[in-house]
PDB file of N, CA and C in Angstrom:
ATOM      1  N   MET A   1     -16.830 -44.051 -60.431  1.00  0.00           N
ATOM      2  CA  MET A   1     -17.332 -42.969 -61.251  1.00  0.00           C
ATOM      3  C   MET A   1     -18.497 -42.266 -60.557  1.00  0.00           C
ATOM      4  N   LYS A   2     -19.385 -43.048 -59.936  1.00  0.00           N
ATOM      5  CA  LYS A   2     -20.535 -42.464 -59.255  1.00  0.00           C
ATOM      6  C   LYS A   2     -20.069 -41.577 -58.098  1.00  0.00           C
ATOM      7  N   PHE A   3     -19.018 -42.021 -57.393  1.00  0.00           N
ATOM      8  CA  PHE A   3     -18.486 -41.243 -56.276  1.00  0.00           C
ATOM      9  C   PHE A   3     -17.953 -39.894 -56.766  1.00  0.00           C
ATOM     10  N   LYS A   4     -17.238 -39.891 -57.911  1.00  0.00           N
ATOM     11  CA  LYS A   4     -16.698 -38.644 -58.458  1.00  0.00           C
ATOM     12  C   LYS A   4     -17.821 -37.683 -58.847  1.00  0.00           C
ATOM     13  N   THR A   5     -18.892 -38.215 -59.395  1.00  0.00           N
ATOM     14  CA  THR A   5     -20.027 -37.383 -59.785  1.00  0.00           C
ATOM     15  C   THR A   5     -20.670 -36.763 -58.556  1.00  0.00           C
ATOM     16  N   ILE A   6     -20.847 -37.551 -57.507  1.00  0.00           N
ATOM     17  CA  ILE A   6     -21.433 -37.035 -56.261  1.00  0.00           C
ATOM     18  C   ILE A   6     -20.512 -35.989 -55.636  1.00  0.00           C
ATOM     19  N   LEU A   7     -19.214 -36.251 -55.640  1.00  0.00           N
ATOM     20  CA  LEU A   7     -18.246 -35.312 -55.084  1.00  0.00           C
ATOM     21  C   LEU A   7     -18.259 -33.994 -55.862  1.00  0.00           C
ATOM     22  N   LEU A   8     -18.299 -34.070 -57.180  1.00  0.00           N
ATOM     23  CA  LEU A   8     -18.345 -32.869 -58.006  1.00  0.00           C
ATOM     24  C   LEU A   8     -19.633 -32.085 -57.751  1.00  0.00           C
ATOM     25  N   ALA A   9     -20.755 -32.778 -57.702  1.00  0.00           N
ATOM     26  CA  ALA A   9     -22.045 -32.112 -57.457  1.00  0.00           C
ATOM     27  C   ALA A   9     -22.058 -31.457 -56.081  1.00  0.00           C
ATOM     28  N   SER A  10     -21.510 -32.133 -55.082  1.00  0.00           N
ATOM     29  CA  SER A  10     -21.462 -31.565 -53.729  1.00  0.00           C
ATOM     30  C   SER A  10     -20.587 -30.321 -53.689  1.00  0.00           C
ATOM     31  N   SER A  11     -19.452 -30.365 -54.395  1.00  0.00           N
ATOM     32  CA  SER A  11     -18.548 -29.219 -54.423  1.00  0.00           C
ATOM     33  C   SER A  11     -19.219 -28.015 -55.088  1.00  0.00           C
ATOM     34  N   LEU A  12     -19.900 -28.248 -56.201  1.00  0.00           N
ATOM     35  CA  LEU A  12     -20.591 -27.160 -56.894  1.00  0.00           C
ATOM     36  C   LEU A  12     -21.700 -26.569 -56.037  1.00  0.00           C
ATOM     37  N   LEU A  13     -22.427 -27.424 -55.328  1.00  0.00           N
ATOM     38  CA  LEU A  13     -23.487 -26.956 -54.451  1.00  0.00           C
ATOM     39  C   LEU A  13     -22.916 -26.106 -53.321  1.00  0.00           C
ATOM     40  N   LEU A  14     -21.820 -26.543 -52.735  1.00  0.00           N
ATOM     41  CA  LEU A  14     -21.179 -25.798 -51.656  1.00  0.00           C
ATOM     42  C   LEU A  14     -20.690 -24.441 -52.156  1.00  0.00           C
ATOM     43  N   MET A  15     -20.051 -24.408 -53.325  1.00  0.00           N
ATOM     44  CA  MET A  15     -19.546 -23.149 -53.865  1.00  0.00           C
ATOM     45  C   MET A  15     -20.683 -22.183 -54.173  1.00  0.00           C
ATOM     46  N   SER A  16     -21.773 -22.682 -54.709  1.00  0.00           N
ATOM     47  CA  SER A  16     -22.892 -21.788 -55.017  1.00  0.00           C
ATOM     48  C   SER A  16     -23.561 -21.287 -53.749  1.00  0.00           C
ATOM     49  N   SER A  17     -23.604 -22.089 -52.710  1.00  0.00           N
ATOM     50  CA  SER A  17     -24.222 -21.632 -51.467  1.00  0.00           C
ATOM     51  C   SER A  17     -23.367 -20.583 -50.777  1.00  0.00           C
ATOM     52  N   ILE A  18     -22.061 -20.647 -50.937  1.00  0.00           N
ATOM     53  CA  ILE A  18     -21.188 -19.619 -50.359  1.00  0.00           C
ATOM     54  C   ILE A  18     -21.493 -18.275 -51.000  1.00  0.00           C
ATOM     55  N   ASN A  19     -21.643 -18.238 -52.316  1.00  0.00           N
ATOM     56  CA  ASN A  19     -21.946 -16.984 -53.003  1.00  0.00           C
ATOM     57  C   ASN A  19     -23.321 -16.454 -52.630  1.00  0.00           C
ATOM     58  N   VAL A  20     -24.290 -17.341 -52.445  1.00  0.00           N
ATOM     59  CA  VAL A  20     -25.643 -16.921 -52.096  1.00  0.00           C
ATOM     60  C   VAL A  20     -25.667 -16.291 -50.714  1.00  0.00           C
ATOM     61  N   TRP A  21     -24.889 -16.832 -49.787  1.00  0.00           N
ATOM     62  CA  TRP A  21     -24.937 -16.363 -48.401  1.00  0.00           C
ATOM     63  C   TRP A  21     -23.924 -15.265 -48.097  1.00  0.00           C
ATOM     64  N   ALA A  22     -23.090 -14.896 -49.070  1.00  0.00           N
ATOM     65  CA  ALA A  22     -22.128 -13.824 -48.833  1.00  0.00           C
ATOM     66  C   ALA A  22     -22.891 -12.517 -48.595  1.00  0.00           C
ATOM     67  N   GLU A  23     -22.481 -11.797 -47.572  1.00  0.00           N
ATOM     68  CA  GLU A  23     -23.165 -10.553 -47.231  1.00  0.00           C
ATOM     69  C   GLU A  23     -22.813  -9.483 -48.260  1.00  0.00           C
ATOM     70  N   PRO A  24     -23.823  -8.849 -48.860  1.00  0.00           N
ATOM     71  CA  PRO A  24     -23.520  -7.813 -49.850  1.00  0.00           C
ATOM     72  C   PRO A  24     -22.935  -6.579 -49.167  1.00  0.00           C
ATOM     73  N   GLY A  25     -22.201  -5.814 -49.910  1.00  0.00           N
ATOM     74  CA  GLY A  25     -21.618  -4.600 -49.367  1.00  0.00           C
ATOM     75  C   GLY A  25     -22.650  -3.493 -49.240  1.00  0.00           C
ATOM     76  N   VAL A  26     -22.528  -2.725 -48.167  1.00  0.00           N
ATOM     77  CA  VAL A  26     -23.428  -1.602 -47.916  1.00  0.00           C
ATOM     78  C   VAL A  26     -22.601  -0.446 -47.359  1.00  0.00           C
ATOM     79  N   VAL A  27     -22.838   0.740 -47.892  1.00  0.00           N
ATOM     80  CA  VAL A  27     -22.170   1.941 -47.402  1.00  0.00           C
ATOM     81  C   VAL A  27     -23.249   2.901 -46.902  1.00  0.00           C
ATOM     82  N   THR A  28     -23.128   3.319 -45.643  1.00  0.00           N
ATOM     83  CA  THR A  28     -24.079   4.262 -45.059  1.00  0.00           C
ATOM     84  C   THR A  28     -23.319   5.475 -44.549  1.00  0.00           C
ATOM     85  N   ILE A  29     -23.747   6.643 -44.986  1.00  0.00           N
ATOM     86  CA  ILE A  29     -23.197   7.896 -44.456  1.00  0.00           C
ATOM     87  C   ILE A  29     -24.208   8.395 -43.423  1.00  0.00           C
ATOM     88  N   LEU A  30     -23.779   8.423 -42.170  1.00  0.00           N
ATOM     89  CA  LEU A  30     -24.661   8.811 -41.068  1.00  0.00           C
ATOM     90  C   LEU A  30     -24.750  10.333 -40.925  1.00  0.00           C
ATOM     91  N   SER A  31     -23.624  11.017 -41.139  1.00  0.00           N
ATOM     92  CA  SER A  31     -23.629  12.482 -41.145  1.00  0.00           C
ATOM     93  C   SER A  31     -22.394  12.975 -41.877  1.00  0.00           C
ATOM     94  N   PRO A  32     -22.476  14.089 -42.542  1.00  0.00           N
ATOM     95  CA  PRO A  32     -23.631  14.970 -42.636  1.00  0.00           C
ATOM     96  C   PRO A  32     -24.735  14.349 -43.498  1.00  0.00           C
ATOM     97  N   ALA A  33     -25.912  14.898 -43.374  1.00  0.00           N
ATOM     98  CA  ALA A  33     -27.043  14.418 -44.171  1.00  0.00           C
ATOM     99  C   ALA A  33     -26.882  14.876 -45.618  1.00  0.00           C
ATOM    100  N   ASP A  34     -27.516  14.137 -46.520  1.00  0.00           N
ATOM    101  CA  ASP A  34     -27.531  14.536 -47.923  1.00  0.00           C
ATOM    102  C   ASP A  34     -28.174  15.921 -48.026  1.00  0.00           C
ATOM    103  N   HIS A  35     -27.570  16.813 -48.782  1.00  0.00           N
ATOM    104  CA  HIS A  35     -28.012  18.194 -49.010  1.00  0.00           C
ATOM    105  C   HIS A  35     -27.866  19.079 -47.770  1.00  0.00           C
ATOM    106  N   ALA A  36     -27.027  18.667 -46.818  1.00  0.00           N
ATOM    107  CA  ALA A  36     -26.782  19.479 -45.620  1.00  0.00           C
ATOM    108  C   ALA A  36     -25.964  20.713 -45.973  1.00  0.00           C
ATOM    109  N   VAL A  37     -26.104  21.744 -45.149  1.00  0.00           N
ATOM    110  CA  VAL A  37     -25.261  22.930 -45.231  1.00  0.00           C
ATOM    111  C   VAL A  37     -24.230  22.784 -44.119  1.00  0.00           C
ATOM    112  N   ILE A  38     -22.948  22.860 -44.494  1.00  0.00           N
ATOM    113  CA  ILE A  38     -21.863  22.694 -43.529  1.00  0.00           C
ATOM    114  C   ILE A  38     -20.979  23.933 -43.544  1.00  0.00           C
ATOM    115  N   PRO A  39     -20.233  24.185 -42.472  1.00  0.00           N
ATOM    116  CA  PRO A  39     -19.349  25.353 -42.447  1.00  0.00           C
ATOM    117  C   PRO A  39     -18.227  25.231 -43.496  1.00  0.00           C
ATOM    118  N   ALA A  40     -18.014  26.308 -44.231  1.00  0.00           N
ATOM    119  CA  ALA A  40     -16.943  26.348 -45.230  1.00  0.00           C
ATOM    120  C   ALA A  40     -15.594  26.608 -44.561  1.00  0.00           C
ATOM    121  N   ASN A  41     -14.543  26.192 -45.252  1.00  0.00           N
ATOM    122  CA  ASN A  41     -13.150  26.476 -44.860  1.00  0.00           C
ATOM    123  C   ASN A  41     -12.778  25.975 -43.471  1.00  0.00           C
ATOM    124  N   GLN A  42     -13.416  24.918 -43.027  1.00  0.00           N
ATOM    125  CA  GLN A  42     -13.027  24.278 -41.766  1.00  0.00           C
ATOM    126  C   GLN A  42     -13.263  22.777 -41.867  1.00  0.00           C
ATOM    127  N   THR A  43     -12.662  22.056 -40.951  1.00  0.00           N
ATOM    128  CA  THR A  43     -12.819  20.602 -40.926  1.00  0.00           C
ATOM    129  C   THR A  43     -14.221  20.245 -40.448  1.00  0.00           C
ATOM    130  N   ASN A  44     -14.864  19.322 -41.152  1.00  0.00           N
ATOM    131  CA  ASN A  44     -16.167  18.795 -40.758  1.00  0.00           C
ATOM    132  C   ASN A  44     -16.021  17.285 -40.590  1.00  0.00           C
ATOM    133  N   THR A  45     -16.824  16.706 -39.713  1.00  0.00           N
ATOM    134  CA  THR A  45     -16.724  15.280 -39.433  1.00  0.00           C
ATOM    135  C   THR A  45     -17.757  14.492 -40.229  1.00  0.00           C
ATOM    136  N   LEU A  46     -17.284  13.446 -40.883  1.00  0.00           N
ATOM    137  CA  LEU A  46     -18.123  12.494 -41.593  1.00  0.00           C
ATOM    138  C   LEU A  46     -18.233  11.253 -40.710  1.00  0.00           C
ATOM    139  N   THR A  47     -19.444  10.798 -40.402  1.00  0.00           N
ATOM    140  CA  THR A  47     -19.600   9.535 -39.682  1.00  0.00           C
ATOM    141  C   THR A  47     -20.213   8.536 -40.653  1.00  0.00           C
ATOM    142  N   TYR A  48     -19.781   7.292 -40.527  1.00  0.00           N
ATOM    143  CA  TYR A  48     -20.118   6.286 -41.528  1.00  0.00           C
ATOM    144  C   TYR A  48     -20.222   4.896 -40.913  1.00  0.00           C
ATOM    145  N   ASP A  49     -20.836   4.000 -41.673  1.00  0.00           N
ATOM    146  CA  ASP A  49     -20.914   2.573 -41.335  1.00  0.00           C
ATOM    147  C   ASP A  49     -20.797   1.825 -42.666  1.00  0.00           C
ATOM    148  N   VAL A  50     -19.745   1.033 -42.819  1.00  0.00           N
ATOM    149  CA  VAL A  50     -19.471   0.345 -44.082  1.00  0.00           C
ATOM    150  C   VAL A  50     -19.391  -1.158 -43.850  1.00  0.00           C
ATOM    151  N   THR A  51     -20.130  -1.915 -44.655  1.00  0.00           N
ATOM    152  CA  THR A  51     -19.970  -3.370 -44.735  1.00  0.00           C
ATOM    153  C   THR A  51     -19.345  -3.604 -46.103  1.00  0.00           C
ATOM    154  N   PRO A  52     -18.062  -4.004 -46.158  1.00  0.00           N
ATOM    155  CA  PRO A  52     -17.355  -4.015 -47.436  1.00  0.00           C
ATOM    156  C   PRO A  52     -17.872  -5.030 -48.459  1.00  0.00           C
ATOM    157  N   GLY A  53     -18.439  -6.144 -48.023  1.00  0.00           N
ATOM    158  CA  GLY A  53     -18.921  -7.150 -48.965  1.00  0.00           C
ATOM    159  C   GLY A  53     -17.780  -7.945 -49.572  1.00  0.00           C
ATOM    160  N   PRO A  54     -18.104  -8.886 -50.464  1.00  0.00           N
ATOM    161  CA  PRO A  54     -17.095  -9.761 -51.070  1.00  0.00           C
ATOM    162  C   PRO A  54     -16.026  -8.960 -51.820  1.00  0.00           C
ATOM    163  N   GLY A  55     -14.778  -9.251 -51.532  1.00  0.00           N
ATOM    164  CA  GLY A  55     -13.662  -8.611 -52.213  1.00  0.00           C
ATOM    165  C   GLY A  55     -13.269  -7.260 -51.652  1.00  0.00           C
ATOM    166  N   GLY A  56     -14.097  -6.673 -50.787  1.00  0.00           N
ATOM    167  CA  GLY A  56     -13.791  -5.355 -50.234  1.00  0.00           C
ATOM    168  C   GLY A  56     -12.726  -5.442 -49.159  1.00  0.00           C
ATOM    169  N   ASP A  57     -11.695  -4.613 -49.289  1.00  0.00           N
ATOM    170  CA  ASP A  57     -10.587  -4.612 -48.332  1.00  0.00           C
ATOM    171  C   ASP A  57     -10.593  -3.350 -47.471  1.00  0.00           C
ATOM    172  N   HIS A  58     -10.941  -2.230 -48.079  1.00  0.00           N
ATOM    173  CA  HIS A  58     -10.980  -0.940 -47.385  1.00  0.00           C
ATOM    174  C   HIS A  58     -11.820   0.004 -48.243  1.00  0.00           C
ATOM    175  N   PHE A  59     -11.892   1.273 -47.835  1.00  0.00           N
ATOM    176  CA  PHE A  59     -12.611   2.238 -48.655  1.00  0.00           C
ATOM    177  C   PHE A  59     -11.869   3.567 -48.656  1.00  0.00           C
ATOM    178  N   HIS A  60     -12.261   4.408 -49.606  1.00  0.00           N
ATOM    179  CA  HIS A  60     -11.708   5.755 -49.709  1.00  0.00           C
ATOM    180  C   HIS A  60     -12.858   6.757 -49.650  1.00  0.00           C
ATOM    181  N   VAL A  61     -12.559   7.912 -49.091  1.00  0.00           N
ATOM    182  CA  VAL A  61     -13.509   9.029 -49.093  1.00  0.00           C
ATOM    183  C   VAL A  61     -13.044   9.992 -50.179  1.00  0.00           C
ATOM    184  N   TRP A  62     -13.954  10.285 -51.085  1.00  0.00           N
ATOM    185  CA  TRP A  62     -13.689  11.252 -52.150  1.00  0.00           C
ATOM    186  C   TRP A  62     -14.463  12.531 -51.835  1.00  0.00           C
ATOM    187  N   VAL A  63     -13.814  13.664 -51.987  1.00  0.00           N
ATOM    188  CA  VAL A  63     -14.496  14.948 -51.935  1.00  0.00           C
ATOM    189  C   VAL A  63     -14.292  15.543 -53.323  1.00  0.00           C
ATOM    190  N   ASP A  64     -15.405  15.619 -54.051  1.00  0.00           N
ATOM    191  CA  ASP A  64     -15.372  16.005 -55.455  1.00  0.00           C
ATOM    192  C   ASP A  64     -14.435  15.026 -56.183  1.00  0.00           C
ATOM    193  N   SER A  65     -13.348  15.479 -56.771  1.00  0.00           N
ATOM    194  CA  SER A  65     -12.465  14.559 -57.503  1.00  0.00           C
ATOM    195  C   SER A  65     -11.209  14.191 -56.714  1.00  0.00           C
ATOM    196  N   ASP A  66     -11.152  14.577 -55.431  1.00  0.00           N
ATOM    197  CA  ASP A  66      -9.977  14.316 -54.599  1.00  0.00           C
ATOM    198  C   ASP A  66     -10.189  13.089 -53.707  1.00  0.00           C
ATOM    199  N   ARG A  67      -9.310  12.086 -53.875  1.00  0.00           N
ATOM    200  CA  ARG A  67      -9.401  10.854 -53.087  1.00  0.00           C
ATOM    201  C   ARG A  67      -8.605  10.992 -51.799  1.00  0.00           C
ATOM    202  N   GLY A  68      -9.248  10.590 -50.698  1.00  0.00           N
ATOM    203  CA  GLY A  68      -8.581  10.588 -49.406  1.00  0.00           C
ATOM    204  C   GLY A  68      -7.821   9.274 -49.195  1.00  0.00           C
ATOM    205  N   PRO A  69      -7.171   9.117 -48.042  1.00  0.00           N
ATOM    206  CA  PRO A  69      -6.389   7.919 -47.745  1.00  0.00           C
ATOM    207  C   PRO A  69      -7.271   6.684 -47.551  1.00  0.00           C
ATOM    208  N   ALA A  70      -6.628   5.521 -47.588  1.00  0.00           N
ATOM    209  CA  ALA A  70      -7.332   4.255 -47.341  1.00  0.00           C
ATOM    210  C   ALA A  70      -7.817   4.212 -45.898  1.00  0.00           C
ATOM    211  N   ILE A  71      -9.055   3.746 -45.716  1.00  0.00           N
ATOM    212  CA  ILE A  71      -9.627   3.616 -44.379  1.00  0.00           C
ATOM    213  C   ILE A  71     -10.004   2.152 -44.178  1.00  0.00           C
ATOM    214  N   HIS A  72      -9.476   1.550 -43.122  1.00  0.00           N
ATOM    215  CA  HIS A  72      -9.731   0.139 -42.826  1.00  0.00           C
ATOM    216  C   HIS A  72     -10.695  -0.057 -41.660  1.00  0.00           C
ATOM    217  N   LYS A  73     -11.039   1.011 -40.976  1.00  0.00           N
ATOM    218  CA  LYS A  73     -11.999   0.951 -39.870  1.00  0.00           C
ATOM    219  C   LYS A  73     -13.386   1.172 -40.477  1.00  0.00           C
ATOM    220  N   PHE A  74     -14.245   0.145 -40.407  1.00  0.00           N
ATOM    221  CA  PHE A  74     -15.494   0.166 -41.148  1.00  0.00           C
ATOM    222  C   PHE A  74     -16.658   0.866 -40.442  1.00  0.00           C
ATOM    223  N   ARG A  75     -16.448   1.339 -39.250  1.00  0.00           N
ATOM    224  CA  ARG A  75     -17.475   2.133 -38.560  1.00  0.00           C
ATOM    225  C   ARG A  75     -16.737   3.199 -37.768  1.00  0.00           C
ATOM    226  N   GLY A  76     -17.153   4.445 -37.957  1.00  0.00           N
ATOM    227  CA  GLY A  76     -16.464   5.486 -37.214  1.00  0.00           C
ATOM    228  C   GLY A  76     -16.653   6.858 -37.807  1.00  0.00           C
ATOM    229  N   ALA A  77     -15.601   7.670 -37.647  1.00  0.00           N
ATOM    230  CA  ALA A  77     -15.644   9.062 -38.091  1.00  0.00           C
ATOM    231  C   ALA A  77     -14.378   9.386 -38.859  1.00  0.00           C
ATOM    232  N   TYR A  78     -14.514  10.340 -39.773  1.00  0.00           N
ATOM    233  CA  TYR A  78     -13.410  10.782 -40.612  1.00  0.00           C
ATOM    234  C   TYR A  78     -13.495  12.297 -40.715  1.00  0.00           C
ATOM    235  N   ASP A  79     -12.359  12.968 -40.531  1.00  0.00           N
ATOM    236  CA  ASP A  79     -12.325  14.427 -40.658  1.00  0.00           C
ATOM    237  C   ASP A  79     -12.183  14.800 -42.128  1.00  0.00           C
ATOM    238  N   LEU A  80     -13.213  15.433 -42.653  1.00  0.00           N
ATOM    239  CA  LEU A  80     -13.183  15.895 -44.036  1.00  0.00           C
ATOM    240  C   LEU A  80     -12.248  17.093 -44.149  1.00  0.00           C
ATOM    241  N   PRO A  81     -11.592  17.243 -45.294  1.00  0.00           N
ATOM    242  CA  PRO A  81     -10.752  18.432 -45.468  1.00  0.00           C
ATOM    243  C   PRO A  81     -11.634  19.679 -45.564  1.00  0.00           C
ATOM    244  N   PRO A  82     -11.091  20.834 -45.218  1.00  0.00           N
ATOM    245  CA  PRO A  82     -11.869  22.069 -45.368  1.00  0.00           C
ATOM    246  C   PRO A  82     -12.331  22.232 -46.823  1.00  0.00           C
ATOM    247  N   MET A  83     -13.577  22.658 -46.986  1.00  0.00           N
ATOM    248  CA  MET A  83     -14.143  22.841 -48.324  1.00  0.00           C
ATOM    249  C   MET A  83     -14.447  24.305 -48.570  1.00  0.00           C
ATOM    250  N   SER A  84     -14.164  24.742 -49.780  1.00  0.00           N
ATOM    251  CA  SER A  84     -14.471  26.119 -50.168  1.00  0.00           C
ATOM    252  C   SER A  84     -15.986  26.288 -50.247  1.00  0.00           C
ATOM    253  N   PRO A  85     -16.469  27.522 -50.160  1.00  0.00           N
ATOM    254  CA  PRO A  85     -17.915  27.739 -50.282  1.00  0.00           C
ATOM    255  C   PRO A  85     -18.437  27.175 -51.612  1.00  0.00           C
ATOM    256  N   GLY A  86     -19.611  26.582 -51.539  1.00  0.00           N
ATOM    257  CA  GLY A  86     -20.238  26.024 -52.737  1.00  0.00           C
ATOM    258  C   GLY A  86     -20.685  24.595 -52.527  1.00  0.00           C
ATOM    259  N   LYS A  87     -21.159  23.995 -53.622  1.00  0.00           N
ATOM    260  CA  LYS A  87     -21.645  22.613 -53.567  1.00  0.00           C
ATOM    261  C   LYS A  87     -20.492  21.636 -53.753  1.00  0.00           C
ATOM    262  N   HIS A  88     -20.558  20.526 -52.989  1.00  0.00           N
ATOM    263  CA  HIS A  88     -19.527  19.493 -53.059  1.00  0.00           C
ATOM    264  C   HIS A  88     -20.193  18.119 -52.982  1.00  0.00           C
ATOM    265  N   THR A  89     -19.529  17.145 -53.595  1.00  0.00           N
ATOM    266  CA  THR A  89     -19.988  15.760 -53.535  1.00  0.00           C
ATOM    267  C   THR A  89     -19.002  14.958 -52.699  1.00  0.00           C
ATOM    268  N   ILE A  90     -19.543  14.239 -51.717  1.00  0.00           N
ATOM    269  CA  ILE A  90     -18.738  13.349 -50.867  1.00  0.00           C
ATOM    270  C   ILE A  90     -19.140  11.927 -51.219  1.00  0.00           C
ATOM    271  N   THR A  91     -18.146  11.083 -51.548  1.00  0.00           N
ATOM    272  CA  THR A  91     -18.409   9.703 -51.948  1.00  0.00           C
ATOM    273  C   THR A  91     -17.511   8.762 -51.158  1.00  0.00           C
ATOM    274  N   LEU A  92     -18.087   7.672 -50.669  1.00  0.00           N
ATOM    275  CA  LEU A  92     -17.323   6.581 -50.063  1.00  0.00           C
ATOM    276  C   LEU A  92     -17.364   5.421 -51.041  1.00  0.00           C
ATOM    277  N   LYS A  93     -16.189   4.895 -51.425  1.00  0.00           N
ATOM    278  CA  LYS A  93     -16.096   3.784 -52.368  1.00  0.00           C
ATOM    279  C   LYS A  93     -15.307   2.643 -51.749  1.00  0.00           C
ATOM    280  N   VAL A  94     -15.916   1.451 -51.706  1.00  0.00           N
ATOM    281  CA  VAL A  94     -15.229   0.257 -51.228  1.00  0.00           C
ATOM    282  C   VAL A  94     -14.343  -0.270 -52.361  1.00  0.00           C
ATOM    283  N   VAL A  95     -13.104  -0.624 -52.020  1.00  0.00           N
ATOM    284  CA  VAL A  95     -12.143  -1.124 -53.004  1.00  0.00           C
ATOM    285  C   VAL A  95     -11.460  -2.380 -52.483  1.00  0.00           C
ATOM    286  N   ASP A  96     -10.813  -3.115 -53.398  1.00  0.00           N
ATOM    287  CA  ASP A  96     -10.048  -4.289 -52.985  1.00  0.00           C
ATOM    288  C   ASP A  96      -8.624  -3.856 -52.617  1.00  0.00           C
ATOM    289  N   SER A  97      -7.760  -4.814 -52.322  1.00  0.00           N
ATOM    290  CA  SER A  97      -6.400  -4.474 -51.888  1.00  0.00           C
ATOM    291  C   SER A  97      -5.592  -3.780 -52.980  1.00  0.00           C
ATOM    292  N   GLY A  98      -6.015  -3.891 -54.243  1.00  0.00           N
ATOM    293  CA  GLY A  98      -5.356  -3.198 -55.344  1.00  0.00           C
ATOM    294  C   GLY A  98      -6.004  -1.868 -55.681  1.00  0.00           C
ATOM    295  N   HIS A  99      -6.920  -1.410 -54.843  1.00  0.00           N
ATOM    296  CA  HIS A  99      -7.642  -0.136 -54.989  1.00  0.00           C
ATOM    297  C   HIS A  99      -8.647  -0.138 -56.145  1.00  0.00           C
ATOM    298  N   VAL A 100      -9.081  -1.321 -56.572  1.00  0.00           N
ATOM    299  CA  VAL A 100     -10.098  -1.434 -57.619  1.00  0.00           C
ATOM    300  C   VAL A 100     -11.461  -1.460 -56.939  1.00  0.00           C
ATOM    301  N   PRO A 101     -12.392  -0.586 -57.347  1.00  0.00           N
ATOM    302  CA  PRO A 101     -13.725  -0.574 -56.738  1.00  0.00           C
ATOM    303  C   PRO A 101     -14.414  -1.941 -56.847  1.00  0.00           C
ATOM    304  N   THR A 102     -15.057  -2.357 -55.746  1.00  0.00           N
ATOM    305  CA  THR A 102     -15.749  -3.652 -55.726  1.00  0.00           C
ATOM    306  C   THR A 102     -17.254  -3.498 -55.867  1.00  0.00           C
ATOM    307  N   GLY A 103     -17.735  -2.265 -55.935  1.00  0.00           N
ATOM    308  CA  GLY A 103     -19.165  -2.039 -56.152  1.00  0.00           C
ATOM    309  C   GLY A 103     -19.826  -1.143 -55.136  1.00  0.00           C
ATOM    310  N   PRO A 104     -19.772  -1.487 -53.839  1.00  0.00           N
ATOM    311  CA  PRO A 104     -20.493  -0.658 -52.866  1.00  0.00           C
ATOM    312  C   PRO A 104     -19.929   0.757 -52.785  1.00  0.00           C
ATOM    313  N   GLU A 105     -20.812   1.719 -52.895  1.00  0.00           N
ATOM    314  CA  GLU A 105     -20.426   3.118 -52.717  1.00  0.00           C
ATOM    315  C   GLU A 105     -21.665   3.934 -52.390  1.00  0.00           C
ATOM    316  N   LYS A 106     -21.428   5.111 -51.851  1.00  0.00           N
ATOM    317  CA  LYS A 106     -22.522   6.019 -51.491  1.00  0.00           C
ATOM    318  C   LYS A 106     -22.034   7.444 -51.669  1.00  0.00           C
ATOM    319  N   SER A 107     -22.859   8.279 -52.258  1.00  0.00           N
ATOM    320  CA  SER A 107     -22.530   9.691 -52.440  1.00  0.00           C
ATOM    321  C   SER A 107     -23.601  10.566 -51.820  1.00  0.00           C
ATOM    322  N   ILE A 108     -23.176  11.702 -51.298  1.00  0.00           N
ATOM    323  CA  ILE A 108     -24.102  12.737 -50.844  1.00  0.00           C
ATOM    324  C   ILE A 108     -23.606  14.066 -51.378  1.00  0.00           C
ATOM    325  N   GLU A 109     -24.476  15.041 -51.407  1.00  0.00           N
ATOM    326  CA  GLU A 109     -24.099  16.394 -51.777  1.00  0.00           C
ATOM    327  C   GLU A 109     -24.263  17.290 -50.557  1.00  0.00           C
ATOM    328  N   VAL A 110     -23.308  18.195 -50.379  1.00  0.00           N
ATOM    329  CA  VAL A 110     -23.380  19.171 -49.293  1.00  0.00           C
ATOM    330  C   VAL A 110     -23.084  20.551 -49.875  1.00  0.00           C
ATOM    331  N   THR A 111     -23.514  21.566 -49.159  1.00  0.00           N
ATOM    332  CA  THR A 111     -23.189  22.946 -49.530  1.00  0.00           C
ATOM    333  C   THR A 111     -22.387  23.544 -48.385  1.00  0.00           C
ATOM    334  N   ALA A 112     -21.198  23.995 -48.706  1.00  0.00           N
ATOM    335  CA  ALA A 112     -20.357  24.654 -47.696  1.00  0.00           C
ATOM    336  C   ALA A 112     -20.641  26.153 -47.748  1.00  0.00           C
ATOM    337  N   LYS A 113     -20.972  26.724 -46.580  1.00  0.00           N
ATOM    338  CA  LYS A 113     -21.245  28.178 -46.480  1.00  0.00           C
ATOM    339  C   LYS A 113     -20.475  28.758 -45.320  1.00  0.00           C
TER     340      LYS A 113
END
């Protein structure tokens, strides 16, 4: 009985330490800068660095309410679709394999002129 108690306590300690040491998800948009003015009606490049964190499988780039394709490369560049003149919100959202958001995300606002 004492052995089972020690084994159970050790297992619980190990499981809790895994959660404590899991790297949290972080999304960084390197460019364009928040509130940047970008050329309208042409492709602009988004550069990013994403640490997906627990449960994160990939991420999507949203421009306003339009979701882009799944991206599995966590550091790099993405060609944004041409944007009409005006203000736009660009958001990167980390999701699991079922496309459910896992928490980490970052949004910026840009003005296309």
